[in-house]
Amino acid sequence: MNARLVRRAVIGAVLLAGIAVLAVYGTHAGTILGRIGLRIF
């Protein structure tokens, strides 16, 4: 795999993780999205 793709994947994962944390602590909808995310991944 290219280094660029790896970096994009890592950055994307970090951003998704950060958004997920903010969503979970911010609203109850965040927990629902979190559960859906866990089912997808």
N, C-alpha and C. Protein backbone atom coordinates (compact mmCIF):
# COMPACT_ATOMS: atom_id res chain seq x y z
N MET A 1 0.84 -1.21 0.00
CA MET A 1 0.00 0.00 0.00
C MET A 1 0.88 1.25 0.00
N ASN A 2 0.35 2.30 -0.57
CA ASN A 2 1.10 3.55 -0.60
C ASN A 2 1.07 4.24 0.75
N ALA A 3 2.14 4.99 1.04
CA ALA A 3 2.22 5.70 2.32
C ALA A 3 1.09 6.72 2.43
N ARG A 4 0.73 7.32 1.29
CA ARG A 4 -0.34 8.32 1.30
C ARG A 4 -1.66 7.70 1.72
N LEU A 5 -1.95 6.51 1.19
CA LEU A 5 -3.21 5.84 1.54
C LEU A 5 -3.22 5.49 3.02
N VAL A 6 -2.07 5.04 3.52
CA VAL A 6 -1.97 4.68 4.94
C VAL A 6 -2.21 5.90 5.81
N ARG A 7 -1.58 7.02 5.42
CA ARG A 7 -1.75 8.25 6.20
C ARG A 7 -3.20 8.70 6.18
N ARG A 8 -3.83 8.61 5.01
CA ARG A 8 -5.24 9.01 4.91
C ARG A 8 -6.11 8.11 5.79
N ALA A 9 -5.81 6.83 5.80
CA ALA A 9 -6.59 5.88 6.60
C ALA A 9 -6.43 6.19 8.08
N VAL A 10 -5.18 6.47 8.49
CA VAL A 10 -4.91 6.77 9.90
C VAL A 10 -5.59 8.06 10.31
N ILE A 11 -5.44 9.10 9.49
CA ILE A 11 -6.06 10.39 9.79
C ILE A 11 -7.58 10.25 9.85
N GLY A 12 -8.13 9.50 8.90
CA GLY A 12 -9.58 9.29 8.87
C GLY A 12 -10.05 8.57 10.12
N ALA A 13 -9.30 7.56 10.54
CA ALA A 13 -9.67 6.80 11.73
C ALA A 13 -9.63 7.69 12.96
N VAL A 14 -8.59 8.53 13.05
CA VAL A 14 -8.45 9.44 14.20
C VAL A 14 -9.60 10.44 14.23
N LEU A 15 -9.94 10.99 13.07
CA LEU A 15 -11.04 11.96 13.00
C LEU A 15 -12.36 11.30 13.39
N LEU A 16 -12.59 10.09 12.88
CA LEU A 16 -13.84 9.39 13.20
C LEU A 16 -13.90 9.09 14.69
N ALA A 17 -12.77 8.70 15.26
CA ALA A 17 -12.72 8.39 16.69
C ALA A 17 -13.02 9.65 17.50
N GLY A 18 -12.42 10.77 17.09
CA GLY A 18 -12.64 12.03 17.81
C GLY A 18 -14.10 12.46 17.74
N ILE A 19 -14.67 12.38 16.54
CA ILE A 19 -16.07 12.75 16.36
C ILE A 19 -16.98 11.83 17.17
N ALA A 20 -16.64 10.54 17.18
CA ALA A 20 -17.45 9.57 17.92
C ALA A 20 -17.43 9.89 19.40
N VAL A 21 -16.25 10.22 19.93
CA VAL A 21 -16.14 10.55 21.36
C VAL A 21 -16.96 11.79 21.69
N LEU A 22 -16.83 12.82 20.85
CA LEU A 22 -17.58 14.06 21.07
C LEU A 22 -19.08 13.79 21.00
N ALA A 23 -19.48 12.95 20.06
CA ALA A 23 -20.90 12.64 19.89
C ALA A 23 -21.44 11.88 21.09
N VAL A 24 -20.66 10.91 21.56
CA VAL A 24 -21.11 10.09 22.69
C VAL A 24 -21.25 10.94 23.95
N TYR A 25 -20.25 11.79 24.22
CA TYR A 25 -20.31 12.62 25.42
C TYR A 25 -21.25 13.81 25.24
N GLY A 26 -21.53 14.14 23.97
CA GLY A 26 -22.36 15.32 23.70
C GLY A 26 -23.85 15.02 23.71
N THR A 27 -24.26 13.95 23.02
CA THR A 27 -25.69 13.67 22.91
C THR A 27 -25.98 12.18 23.03
N HIS A 28 -27.23 11.86 23.29
CA HIS A 28 -27.62 10.45 23.37
C HIS A 28 -27.60 9.82 21.99
N ALA A 29 -27.80 10.65 20.96
CA ALA A 29 -27.77 10.14 19.59
C ALA A 29 -26.39 9.59 19.28
N GLY A 30 -25.37 10.15 19.94
CA GLY A 30 -24.00 9.69 19.72
C GLY A 30 -23.86 8.22 20.09
N THR A 31 -24.53 7.80 21.16
CA THR A 31 -24.43 6.41 21.58
C THR A 31 -25.06 5.50 20.53
N ILE A 32 -26.16 5.98 19.94
CA ILE A 32 -26.84 5.19 18.90
C ILE A 32 -25.92 5.05 17.69
N LEU A 33 -25.31 6.18 17.30
CA LEU A 33 -24.39 6.14 16.15
C LEU A 33 -23.22 5.24 16.48
N GLY A 34 -22.78 5.28 17.73
CA GLY A 34 -21.66 4.44 18.16
C GLY A 34 -22.01 2.96 18.02
N ARG A 35 -23.21 2.60 18.43
CA ARG A 35 -23.63 1.19 18.34
C ARG A 35 -23.72 0.76 16.89
N ILE A 36 -24.25 1.65 16.04
CA ILE A 36 -24.34 1.33 14.61
C ILE A 36 -22.94 1.18 14.04
N GLY A 37 -22.03 2.07 14.45
CA GLY A 37 -20.65 2.01 13.97
C GLY A 37 -20.00 0.70 14.37
N LEU A 38 -20.26 0.25 15.61
CA LEU A 38 -19.67 -1.01 16.08
C LEU A 38 -20.21 -2.17 15.26
N ARG A 39 -21.48 -2.10 14.88
CA ARG A 39 -22.07 -3.18 14.09
C ARG A 39 -21.46 -3.21 12.70
N ILE A 40 -21.21 -2.02 12.13
CA ILE A 40 -20.63 -1.95 10.79
C ILE A 40 -19.19 -2.46 10.81
N PHE A 41 -18.43 -1.99 11.80
CA PHE A 41 -17.02 -2.39 11.87
C PHE A 41 -16.86 -3.62 12.74
